[in-house]
C-alpha atoms as a PDB file:
ATOM      1  CA  MET A   1      18.776 -90.568  36.012  1.00  0.00           C
ATOM      2  CA  GLU A   2      20.751 -90.246  39.222  1.00  0.00           C
ATOM      3  CA  VAL A   3      19.797 -87.562  41.731  1.00  0.00           C
ATOM      4  CA  SER A   4      23.172 -85.880  41.301  1.00  0.00           C
ATOM      5  CA  GLU A   5      22.535 -85.593  37.541  1.00  0.00           C
ATOM      6  CA  ALA A   6      19.148 -83.976  38.162  1.00  0.00           C
ATOM      7  CA  ILE A   7      20.697 -81.516  40.617  1.00  0.00           C
ATOM      8  CA  ASP A   8      23.402 -80.648  38.084  1.00  0.00           C
ATOM      9  CA  LEU A   9      20.731 -79.983  35.439  1.00  0.00           C
ATOM     10  CA  VAL A  10      18.790 -77.700  37.794  1.00  0.00           C
ATOM     11  CA  GLU A  11      21.901 -75.847  38.921  1.00  0.00           C
ATOM     12  CA  SER A  12      22.966 -75.232  35.317  1.00  0.00           C
ATOM     13  CA  CYS A  13      19.752 -73.369  34.443  1.00  0.00           C
ATOM     14  CA  ALA A  14      20.348 -69.714  33.570  1.00  0.00           C
ATOM     15  CA  SER A  15      16.718 -68.506  33.528  1.00  0.00           C
ATOM     16  CA  LEU A  16      13.314 -69.282  34.991  1.00  0.00           C
ATOM     17  CA  ASP A  17      12.119 -70.528  31.592  1.00  0.00           C
ATOM     18  CA  GLU A  18      15.049 -72.921  31.427  1.00  0.00           C
ATOM     19  CA  LEU A  19      14.360 -74.055  35.001  1.00  0.00           C
ATOM     20  CA  ARG A  20      10.659 -74.631  34.187  1.00  0.00           C
ATOM     21  CA  THR A  21      11.598 -76.703  31.135  1.00  0.00           C
ATOM     22  CA  THR A  22      14.139 -78.716  33.123  1.00  0.00           C
ATOM     23  CA  PHE A  23      11.712 -79.422  35.977  1.00  0.00           C
ATOM     24  CA  GLN A  24       9.019 -80.446  33.494  1.00  0.00           C
ATOM     25  CA  ARG A  25      11.379 -82.867  31.795  1.00  0.00           C
ATOM     26  CA  LEU A  26      12.408 -84.327  35.160  1.00  0.00           C
ATOM     27  CA  VAL A  27       8.855 -84.834  36.423  1.00  0.00           C
ATOM     28  CA  GLY A  28       7.822 -86.118  32.998  1.00  0.00           C
ATOM     29  CA  ASN A  29      10.364 -88.919  33.434  1.00  0.00           C
ATOM     30  CA  TYR A  30       8.250 -90.060  36.397  1.00  0.00           C
ATOM     31  CA  GLY A  31       4.966 -89.914  34.480  1.00  0.00           C
ATOM     32  CA  PHE A  32       3.693 -86.518  35.658  1.00  0.00           C
ATOM     33  CA  ALA A  33       2.026 -84.239  33.127  1.00  0.00           C
ATOM     34  CA  SER A  34       2.882 -81.026  34.967  1.00  0.00           C
ATOM     35  CA  PHE A  35       4.326 -79.582  38.147  1.00  0.00           C
ATOM     36  CA  ALA A  36       3.843 -76.540  40.343  1.00  0.00           C
ATOM     37  CA  TYR A  37       6.370 -74.993  42.691  1.00  0.00           C
ATOM     38  CA  VAL A  38       4.856 -72.479  45.092  1.00  0.00           C
ATOM     39  CA  ASP A  39       7.147 -70.588  47.459  1.00  0.00           C
ATOM     40  CA  VAL A  40       5.059 -70.564  50.637  1.00  0.00           C
ATOM     41  CA  GLY A  41       8.028 -69.849  52.889  1.00  0.00           C
ATOM     42  CA  HIS A  42       6.953 -66.238  53.306  1.00  0.00           C
ATOM     43  CA  PRO A  43       3.403 -66.253  54.721  1.00  0.00           C
ATOM     44  CA  GLU A  44       3.428 -62.454  54.953  1.00  0.00           C
ATOM     45  CA  ILE A  45       3.409 -62.245  51.125  1.00  0.00           C
ATOM     46  CA  ASP A  46      -0.174 -62.379  49.856  1.00  0.00           C
ATOM     47  CA  THR A  47       0.697 -63.844  46.449  1.00  0.00           C
ATOM     48  CA  PRO A  48       3.665 -66.227  46.565  1.00  0.00           C
ATOM     49  CA  PHE A  49       6.079 -66.904  43.734  1.00  0.00           C
ATOM     50  CA  VAL A  50       4.860 -69.733  41.462  1.00  0.00           C
ATOM     51  CA  LEU A  51       6.775 -71.682  38.829  1.00  0.00           C
ATOM     52  CA  ALA A  52       4.529 -74.207  37.101  1.00  0.00           C
ATOM     53  CA  THR A  53       3.529 -76.020  33.945  1.00  0.00           C
ATOM     54  CA  THR A  54      -0.111 -76.402  34.906  1.00  0.00           C
ATOM     55  CA  ASP A  55      -2.767 -75.323  32.420  1.00  0.00           C
ATOM     56  CA  PRO A  56      -2.841 -71.481  32.241  1.00  0.00           C
ATOM     57  CA  GLU A  57      -6.663 -71.437  32.316  1.00  0.00           C
ATOM     58  CA  TRP A  58      -6.678 -73.559  35.481  1.00  0.00           C
ATOM     59  CA  ASP A  59      -4.064 -71.259  37.043  1.00  0.00           C
ATOM     60  CA  GLN A  60      -6.121 -68.159  36.219  1.00  0.00           C
ATOM     61  CA  THR A  61      -9.291 -69.708  37.693  1.00  0.00           C
ATOM     62  CA  TYR A  62      -7.415 -70.742  40.840  1.00  0.00           C
ATOM     63  CA  ARG A  63      -5.952 -67.267  41.362  1.00  0.00           C
ATOM     64  CA  SER A  64      -9.022 -65.216  40.417  1.00  0.00           C
ATOM     65  CA  ASN A  65     -11.227 -67.182  42.826  1.00  0.00           C
ATOM     66  CA  GLY A  66      -8.813 -66.688  45.726  1.00  0.00           C
ATOM     67  CA  PHE A  67      -8.341 -70.431  46.189  1.00  0.00           C
ATOM     68  CA  LEU A  68      -4.797 -69.824  47.433  1.00  0.00           C
ATOM     69  CA  HIS A  69      -6.275 -68.510  50.686  1.00  0.00           C
ATOM     70  CA  VAL A  70      -8.355 -71.651  51.358  1.00  0.00           C
ATOM     71  CA  ASP A  71      -6.261 -74.354  49.686  1.00  0.00           C
ATOM     72  CA  PRO A  72      -5.611 -77.125  52.265  1.00  0.00           C
ATOM     73  CA  ILE A  73      -2.252 -77.841  50.626  1.00  0.00           C
ATOM     74  CA  ILE A  74      -0.717 -74.486  51.588  1.00  0.00           C
ATOM     75  CA  PRO A  75      -0.659 -75.090  55.381  1.00  0.00           C
ATOM     76  CA  LEU A  76       0.653 -78.616  54.751  1.00  0.00           C
ATOM     77  CA  VAL A  77       3.589 -77.537  52.613  1.00  0.00           C
ATOM     78  CA  ARG A  78       4.482 -74.881  55.162  1.00  0.00           C
ATOM     79  CA  ARG A  79       4.976 -77.669  57.730  1.00  0.00           C
ATOM     80  CA  THR A  80       6.802 -80.331  55.686  1.00  0.00           C
ATOM     81  CA  ASN A  81       9.313 -80.742  52.919  1.00  0.00           C
ATOM     82  CA  VAL A  82       8.591 -84.392  52.149  1.00  0.00           C
ATOM     83  CA  PRO A  83       6.524 -85.525  49.157  1.00  0.00           C
ATOM     84  CA  PHE A  84       2.864 -86.329  49.685  1.00  0.00           C
ATOM     85  CA  HIS A  85      -0.116 -87.557  47.713  1.00  0.00           C
ATOM     86  CA  TRP A  86      -3.394 -85.634  47.463  1.00  0.00           C
ATOM     87  CA  GLY A  87      -5.120 -88.518  49.248  1.00  0.00           C
ATOM     88  CA  GLU A  88      -3.024 -87.789  52.349  1.00  0.00           C
ATOM     89  CA  VAL A  89      -4.300 -84.226  52.695  1.00  0.00           C
ATOM     90  CA  ALA A  90      -6.873 -83.691  55.420  1.00  0.00           C
ATOM     91  CA  LEU A  91      -9.676 -81.683  53.888  1.00  0.00           C
ATOM     92  CA  PRO A  92     -11.473 -79.085  55.967  1.00  0.00           C
ATOM     93  CA  PRO A  93     -14.934 -80.049  57.217  1.00  0.00           C
ATOM     94  CA  ARG A  94     -17.712 -79.255  54.770  1.00  0.00           C
ATOM     95  CA  ARG A  95     -19.981 -76.440  55.715  1.00  0.00           C
ATOM     96  CA  ALA A  96     -23.682 -76.754  55.111  1.00  0.00           C
ATOM     97  CA  SER A  97     -25.018 -74.762  52.204  1.00  0.00           C
ATOM     98  CA  ALA A  98     -27.203 -71.740  52.892  1.00  0.00           C
ATOM     99  CA  SER A  99     -30.332 -73.612  51.746  1.00  0.00           C
ATOM    100  CA  ALA A 100     -29.562 -76.563  54.043  1.00  0.00           C
ATOM    101  CA  SER A 101     -29.022 -74.189  56.978  1.00  0.00           C
ATOM    102  CA  ARG A 102     -32.369 -72.489  56.331  1.00  0.00           C
ATOM    103  CA  ALA A 103     -34.137 -75.849  56.125  1.00  0.00           C
ATOM    104  CA  ARG A 104     -32.794 -76.856  59.574  1.00  0.00           C
ATOM    105  CA  THR A 105     -34.024 -73.643  61.189  1.00  0.00           C
ATOM    106  CA  ARG A 106     -37.616 -74.070  60.006  1.00  0.00           C
END
C-alpha cells in the first residue's frame, strides 16, 4: 500500500473506533500484533490520550502501577517524531535493591 493510500484511509475515519481499526490493519500489514498511540505533546496533562490495541490487562497493569511516570519511552517520544526500536532506548541506571544497600552498609 502506498503512503498516500494509508493517509486517505486514516483521514476518512469518522470515529476513534474506526481509526483504531484502520491503524491496526495498517500496522498488521507490517507484521505488528498491536500498536499504541500516546499523545505526549502536553506534558502538563497527567494522563495523556491513548489510542491502542494492546492487551487491556497489560494496559490496566501499566496504568495502575504508574509506569507512565517512569517509562523511558515517554521522554524519547517527546523529543523525536522518527520511528525507533526498543533496543535503541537508553534505560535508566538500575538502582540497588534495599537488601543490597543494607548489605553494603554492614
